[in-house]
Amino acid sequence: SPLLNATSLVLCLGLILIPLMTWAGVFP
C-alpha cells in the first residue's frame, strides 16, 4: 500500500531525526 510506504518513510525519518533534536530545560 502507498500509505504503508509513506508511514514507513515517516517512521524512518523520525528515527533519524530524534537523536539530532535538542530540548530546552525547565527551571524547577
PDB file of all heavy atoms in Angstrom:
ATOM      1  N   SER A   1       0.830  -1.203   0.000  1.00  0.00           N
ATOM      2  CA  SER A   1       0.000   0.000   0.000  1.00  0.00           C
ATOM      3  C   SER A   1       0.865   1.254   0.000  1.00  0.00           C
ATOM      4  O   SER A   1       1.854   1.338   0.724  1.00  0.00           O
ATOM      5  CB  SER A   1      -0.895   0.014   1.245  1.00  0.00           C
ATOM      6  OG  SER A   1      -1.456   1.274   1.453  1.00  0.00           O
ATOM      7  N   PRO A   2       0.512   2.266  -0.820  1.00  0.00           N
ATOM      8  CA  PRO A   2       1.242   3.551  -0.786  1.00  0.00           C
ATOM      9  C   PRO A   2       1.235   4.167   0.604  1.00  0.00           C
ATOM     10  O   PRO A   2       2.190   4.816   1.023  1.00  0.00           O
ATOM     11  CB  PRO A   2       0.491   4.415  -1.803  1.00  0.00           C
ATOM     12  CG  PRO A   2      -0.187   3.440  -2.710  1.00  0.00           C
ATOM     13  CD  PRO A   2      -0.527   2.254  -1.859  1.00  0.00           C
ATOM     14  N   LEU A   3       0.128   3.976   1.345  1.00  0.00           N
ATOM     15  CA  LEU A   3       0.039   4.527   2.689  1.00  0.00           C
ATOM     16  C   LEU A   3       1.056   3.874   3.610  1.00  0.00           C
ATOM     17  O   LEU A   3       1.706   4.534   4.422  1.00  0.00           O
ATOM     18  CB  LEU A   3      -1.380   4.339   3.243  1.00  0.00           C
ATOM     19  CG  LEU A   3      -1.628   4.854   4.679  1.00  0.00           C
ATOM     20  CD1 LEU A   3      -1.351   6.352   4.743  1.00  0.00           C
ATOM     21  CD2 LEU A   3      -3.058   4.552   5.117  1.00  0.00           C
ATOM     22  N   LEU A   4       1.222   2.549   3.463  1.00  0.00           N
ATOM     23  CA  LEU A   4       2.199   1.839   4.269  1.00  0.00           C
ATOM     24  C   LEU A   4       3.606   2.319   3.957  1.00  0.00           C
ATOM     25  O   LEU A   4       4.442   2.513   4.850  1.00  0.00           O
ATOM     26  CB  LEU A   4       2.083   0.326   4.016  1.00  0.00           C
ATOM     27  CG  LEU A   4       3.044  -0.581   4.807  1.00  0.00           C
ATOM     28  CD1 LEU A   4       2.832  -0.388   6.304  1.00  0.00           C
ATOM     29  CD2 LEU A   4       2.833  -2.028   4.406  1.00  0.00           C
ATOM     30  N   ASN A   5       3.893   2.533   2.663  1.00  0.00           N
ATOM     31  CA  ASN A   5       5.203   3.041   2.278  1.00  0.00           C
ATOM     32  C   ASN A   5       5.477   4.407   2.894  1.00  0.00           C
ATOM     33  O   ASN A   5       6.566   4.698   3.385  1.00  0.00           O
ATOM     34  CB  ASN A   5       5.306   3.139   0.753  1.00  0.00           C
ATOM     35  CG  ASN A   5       5.384   1.765   0.103  1.00  0.00           C
ATOM     36  OD1 ASN A   5       5.786   0.808   0.743  1.00  0.00           O
ATOM     37  ND2 ASN A   5       4.976   1.684  -1.150  1.00  0.00           N
ATOM     38  N   ALA A   6       4.464   5.280   2.832  1.00  0.00           N
ATOM     39  CA  ALA A   6       4.620   6.632   3.385  1.00  0.00           C
ATOM     40  C   ALA A   6       4.829   6.575   4.889  1.00  0.00           C
ATOM     41  O   ALA A   6       5.647   7.305   5.453  1.00  0.00           O
ATOM     42  CB  ALA A   6       3.383   7.473   3.050  1.00  0.00           C
ATOM     43  N   THR A   7       4.063   5.679   5.559  1.00  0.00           N
ATOM     44  CA  THR A   7       4.200   5.550   7.004  1.00  0.00           C
ATOM     45  C   THR A   7       5.590   5.069   7.376  1.00  0.00           C
ATOM     46  O   THR A   7       6.218   5.563   8.314  1.00  0.00           O
ATOM     47  CB  THR A   7       3.139   4.572   7.555  1.00  0.00           C
ATOM     48  OG1 THR A   7       1.855   5.044   7.199  1.00  0.00           O
ATOM     49  CG2 THR A   7       3.246   4.455   9.067  1.00  0.00           C
ATOM     50  N   SER A   8       6.092   4.104   6.625  1.00  0.00           N
ATOM     51  CA  SER A   8       7.428   3.580   6.900  1.00  0.00           C
ATOM     52  C   SER A   8       8.486   4.670   6.738  1.00  0.00           C
ATOM     53  O   SER A   8       9.427   4.767   7.517  1.00  0.00           O
ATOM     54  CB  SER A   8       7.739   2.409   5.960  1.00  0.00           C
ATOM     55  OG  SER A   8       6.810   1.361   6.143  1.00  0.00           O
ATOM     56  N   LEU A   9       8.307   5.512   5.705  1.00  0.00           N
ATOM     57  CA  LEU A   9       9.256   6.595   5.471  1.00  0.00           C
ATOM     58  C   LEU A   9       9.254   7.582   6.623  1.00  0.00           C
ATOM     59  O   LEU A   9      10.299   8.025   7.089  1.00  0.00           O
ATOM     60  CB  LEU A   9       8.912   7.308   4.157  1.00  0.00           C
ATOM     61  CG  LEU A   9       9.799   8.509   3.792  1.00  0.00           C
ATOM     62  CD1 LEU A   9      11.251   8.059   3.644  1.00  0.00           C
ATOM     63  CD2 LEU A   9       9.297   9.158   2.503  1.00  0.00           C
ATOM     64  N   VAL A  10       8.056   7.935   7.113  1.00  0.00           N
ATOM     65  CA  VAL A  10       7.949   8.875   8.226  1.00  0.00           C
ATOM     66  C   VAL A  10       8.619   8.307   9.468  1.00  0.00           C
ATOM     67  O   VAL A  10       9.355   8.992  10.177  1.00  0.00           O
ATOM     68  CB  VAL A  10       6.465   9.206   8.506  1.00  0.00           C
ATOM     69  CG1 VAL A  10       6.342   9.970   9.826  1.00  0.00           C
ATOM     70  CG2 VAL A  10       5.880  10.015   7.366  1.00  0.00           C
ATOM     71  N   LEU A  11       8.376   7.006   9.744  1.00  0.00           N
ATOM     72  CA  LEU A  11       8.976   6.388  10.915  1.00  0.00           C
ATOM     73  C   LEU A  11      10.493   6.365  10.814  1.00  0.00           C
ATOM     74  O   LEU A  11      11.202   6.628  11.779  1.00  0.00           O
ATOM     75  CB  LEU A  11       8.434   4.959  11.078  1.00  0.00           C
ATOM     76  CG  LEU A  11       6.978   4.849  11.521  1.00  0.00           C
ATOM     77  CD1 LEU A  11       6.531   3.393  11.511  1.00  0.00           C
ATOM     78  CD2 LEU A  11       6.782   5.447  12.916  1.00  0.00           C
ATOM     79  N   CYS A  12      10.997   6.057   9.623  1.00  0.00           N
ATOM     80  CA  CYS A  12      12.450   6.040   9.428  1.00  0.00           C
ATOM     81  C   CYS A  12      13.056   7.417   9.619  1.00  0.00           C
ATOM     82  O   CYS A  12      14.088   7.589  10.274  1.00  0.00           O
ATOM     83  CB  CYS A  12      12.791   5.514   8.035  1.00  0.00           C
ATOM     84  SG  CYS A  12      12.468   3.747   7.827  1.00  0.00           S
ATOM     85  N   LEU A  13      12.392   8.428   9.058  1.00  0.00           N
ATOM     86  CA  LEU A  13      12.882   9.794   9.218  1.00  0.00           C
ATOM     87  C   LEU A  13      12.849  10.204  10.679  1.00  0.00           C
ATOM     88  O   LEU A  13      13.740  10.884  11.172  1.00  0.00           O
ATOM     89  CB  LEU A  13      12.040  10.763   8.379  1.00  0.00           C
ATOM     90  CG  LEU A  13      12.274  10.705   6.863  1.00  0.00           C
ATOM     91  CD1 LEU A  13      11.273  11.611   6.157  1.00  0.00           C
ATOM     92  CD2 LEU A  13      13.697  11.116   6.513  1.00  0.00           C
ATOM     93  N   GLY A  14      11.783   9.765  11.378  1.00  0.00           N
ATOM     94  CA  GLY A  14      11.681  10.084  12.793  1.00  0.00           C
ATOM     95  C   GLY A  14      12.822   9.499  13.589  1.00  0.00           C
ATOM     96  O   GLY A  14      13.420  10.140  14.458  1.00  0.00           O
ATOM     97  N   LEU A  15      13.187   8.241  13.292  1.00  0.00           N
ATOM     98  CA  LEU A  15      14.289   7.604  13.992  1.00  0.00           C
ATOM     99  C   LEU A  15      15.612   8.300  13.714  1.00  0.00           C
ATOM    100  O   LEU A  15      16.502   8.358  14.551  1.00  0.00           O
ATOM    101  CB  LEU A  15      14.370   6.125  13.589  1.00  0.00           C
ATOM    102  CG  LEU A  15      13.214   5.241  14.070  1.00  0.00           C
ATOM    103  CD1 LEU A  15      13.330   3.853  13.466  1.00  0.00           C
ATOM    104  CD2 LEU A  15      13.199   5.154  15.592  1.00  0.00           C
ATOM    105  N   ILE A  16      15.742   8.836  12.501  1.00  0.00           N
ATOM    106  CA  ILE A  16      16.968   9.542  12.148  1.00  0.00           C
ATOM    107  C   ILE A  16      17.040  10.897  12.842  1.00  0.00           C
ATOM    108  O   ILE A  16      18.074  11.312  13.344  1.00  0.00           O
ATOM    109  CB  ILE A  16      17.060   9.741  10.618  1.00  0.00           C
ATOM    110  CG1 ILE A  16      17.229   8.373   9.932  1.00  0.00           C
ATOM    111  CG2 ILE A  16      18.224  10.662  10.254  1.00  0.00           C
ATOM    112  CD1 ILE A  16      17.095   8.435   8.430  1.00  0.00           C
ATOM    113  N   LEU A  17      15.890  11.596  12.935  1.00  0.00           N
ATOM    114  CA  LEU A  17      15.891  12.973  13.427  1.00  0.00           C
ATOM    115  C   LEU A  17      15.881  13.074  14.938  1.00  0.00           C
ATOM    116  O   LEU A  17      16.418  14.028  15.496  1.00  0.00           O
ATOM    117  CB  LEU A  17      14.677  13.729  12.857  1.00  0.00           C
ATOM    118  CG  LEU A  17      14.712  13.992  11.356  1.00  0.00           C
ATOM    119  CD1 LEU A  17      13.404  14.632  10.920  1.00  0.00           C
ATOM    120  CD2 LEU A  17      15.882  14.885  10.974  1.00  0.00           C
ATOM    121  N   ILE A  18      15.286  12.099  15.630  1.00  0.00           N
ATOM    122  CA  ILE A  18      15.128  12.217  17.074  1.00  0.00           C
ATOM    123  C   ILE A  18      16.452  12.457  17.793  1.00  0.00           C
ATOM    124  O   ILE A  18      16.556  13.343  18.643  1.00  0.00           O
ATOM    125  CB  ILE A  18      14.395  10.977  17.645  1.00  0.00           C
ATOM    126  CG1 ILE A  18      12.898  11.089  17.320  1.00  0.00           C
ATOM    127  CG2 ILE A  18      14.590  10.857  19.158  1.00  0.00           C
ATOM    128  CD1 ILE A  18      12.094   9.858  17.683  1.00  0.00           C
ATOM    129  N   PRO A  19      17.531  11.707  17.472  1.00  0.00           N
ATOM    130  CA  PRO A  19      18.778  11.966  18.187  1.00  0.00           C
ATOM    131  C   PRO A  19      19.376  13.340  17.913  1.00  0.00           C
ATOM    132  O   PRO A  19      20.220  13.799  18.666  1.00  0.00           O
ATOM    133  CB  PRO A  19      19.715  10.861  17.645  1.00  0.00           C
ATOM    134  CG  PRO A  19      18.807   9.819  17.097  1.00  0.00           C
ATOM    135  CD  PRO A  19      17.639  10.580  16.550  1.00  0.00           C
ATOM    136  N   LEU A  20      18.944  13.998  16.847  1.00  0.00           N
ATOM    137  CA  LEU A  20      19.510  15.294  16.492  1.00  0.00           C
ATOM    138  C   LEU A  20      18.786  16.452  17.152  1.00  0.00           C
ATOM    139  O   LEU A  20      19.247  17.577  17.115  1.00  0.00           O
ATOM    140  CB  LEU A  20      19.460  15.481  14.967  1.00  0.00           C
ATOM    141  CG  LEU A  20      20.190  14.427  14.134  1.00  0.00           C
ATOM    142  CD1 LEU A  20      20.017  14.739  12.660  1.00  0.00           C
ATOM    143  CD2 LEU A  20      21.661  14.361  14.507  1.00  0.00           C
ATOM    144  N   MET A  21      17.639  16.168  17.775  1.00  0.00           N
ATOM    145  CA  MET A  21      16.836  17.234  18.350  1.00  0.00           C
ATOM    146  C   MET A  21      17.329  17.564  19.753  1.00  0.00           C
ATOM    147  O   MET A  21      17.742  16.689  20.517  1.00  0.00           O
ATOM    148  CB  MET A  21      15.367  16.828  18.388  1.00  0.00           C
ATOM    149  CG  MET A  21      14.760  16.579  17.013  1.00  0.00           C
ATOM    150  SD  MET A  21      13.058  16.001  17.092  1.00  0.00           S
ATOM    151  CE  MET A  21      12.236  17.485  17.619  1.00  0.00           C
ATOM    152  N   THR A  22      17.303  18.851  20.117  1.00  0.00           N
ATOM    153  CA  THR A  22      17.645  19.272  21.464  1.00  0.00           C
ATOM    154  C   THR A  22      16.452  19.975  22.075  1.00  0.00           C
ATOM    155  O   THR A  22      15.675  20.632  21.384  1.00  0.00           O
ATOM    156  CB  THR A  22      18.856  20.230  21.466  1.00  0.00           C
ATOM    157  OG1 THR A  22      18.551  21.356  20.643  1.00  0.00           O
ATOM    158  CG2 THR A  22      20.092  19.528  20.924  1.00  0.00           C
ATOM    159  N   TRP A  23      16.321  19.839  23.381  1.00  0.00           N
ATOM    160  CA  TRP A  23      15.147  20.380  24.065  1.00  0.00           C
ATOM    161  C   TRP A  23      15.591  21.328  25.172  1.00  0.00           C
ATOM    162  O   TRP A  23      16.548  21.080  25.881  1.00  0.00           O
ATOM    163  CB  TRP A  23      14.315  19.242  24.662  1.00  0.00           C
ATOM    164  CG  TRP A  23      13.816  18.304  23.624  1.00  0.00           C
ATOM    165  CD1 TRP A  23      14.427  17.159  23.178  1.00  0.00           C
ATOM    166  CD2 TRP A  23      12.628  18.430  22.850  1.00  0.00           C
ATOM    167  NE1 TRP A  23      13.692  16.563  22.193  1.00  0.00           N
ATOM    168  CE2 TRP A  23      12.568  17.322  21.974  1.00  0.00           C
ATOM    169  CE3 TRP A  23      11.596  19.369  22.803  1.00  0.00           C
ATOM    170  CZ2 TRP A  23      11.538  17.133  21.069  1.00  0.00           C
ATOM    171  CZ3 TRP A  23      10.569  19.176  21.912  1.00  0.00           C
ATOM    172  CH2 TRP A  23      10.542  18.073  21.056  1.00  0.00           C
ATOM    173  N   ALA A  24      14.869  22.406  25.329  1.00  0.00           N
ATOM    174  CA  ALA A  24      15.166  23.354  26.405  1.00  0.00           C
ATOM    175  C   ALA A  24      14.734  22.776  27.739  1.00  0.00           C
ATOM    176  O   ALA A  24      13.709  22.119  27.832  1.00  0.00           O
ATOM    177  CB  ALA A  24      14.443  24.674  26.155  1.00  0.00           C
ATOM    178  N   GLY A  25      15.549  23.002  28.796  1.00  0.00           N
ATOM    179  CA  GLY A  25      15.184  22.568  30.125  1.00  0.00           C
ATOM    180  C   GLY A  25      14.181  23.525  30.745  1.00  0.00           C
ATOM    181  O   GLY A  25      13.983  24.649  30.279  1.00  0.00           O
ATOM    182  N   VAL A  26      13.561  23.078  31.822  1.00  0.00           N
ATOM    183  CA  VAL A  26      12.587  23.892  32.538  1.00  0.00           C
ATOM    184  C   VAL A  26      13.141  24.200  33.920  1.00  0.00           C
ATOM    185  O   VAL A  26      13.638  23.310  34.617  1.00  0.00           O
ATOM    186  CB  VAL A  26      11.239  23.158  32.656  1.00  0.00           C
ATOM    187  CG1 VAL A  26      10.255  23.973  33.486  1.00  0.00           C
ATOM    188  CG2 VAL A  26      10.670  22.872  31.281  1.00  0.00           C
ATOM    189  N   PHE A  27      13.077  25.476  34.328  1.00  0.00           N
ATOM    190  CA  PHE A  27      13.520  25.840  35.664  1.00  0.00           C
ATOM    191  C   PHE A  27      12.652  25.141  36.711  1.00  0.00           C
ATOM    192  O   PHE A  27      11.421  25.264  36.671  1.00  0.00           O
ATOM    193  CB  PHE A  27      13.397  27.348  35.888  1.00  0.00           C
ATOM    194  CG  PHE A  27      14.361  28.180  35.104  1.00  0.00           C
ATOM    195  CD1 PHE A  27      13.903  29.228  34.332  1.00  0.00           C
ATOM    196  CD2 PHE A  27      15.722  27.937  35.159  1.00  0.00           C
ATOM    197  CE1 PHE A  27      14.797  30.025  33.619  1.00  0.00           C
ATOM    198  CE2 PHE A  27      16.620  28.725  34.445  1.00  0.00           C
ATOM    199  CZ  PHE A  27      16.154  29.770  33.678  1.00  0.00           C
ATOM    200  N   PRO A  28      13.239  24.416  37.662  1.00  0.00           N
ATOM    201  CA  PRO A  28      12.437  23.892  38.773  1.00  0.00           C
ATOM    202  C   PRO A  28      11.928  25.045  39.643  1.00  0.00           C
ATOM    203  O   PRO A  28      12.618  26.050  39.822  1.00  0.00           O
ATOM    204  CB  PRO A  28      13.426  23.021  39.550  1.00  0.00           C
ATOM    205  CG  PRO A  28      14.557  22.764  38.614  1.00  0.00           C
ATOM    206  CD  PRO A  28      14.631  23.968  37.733  1.00  0.00           C
TER     207      PRO A  28
END
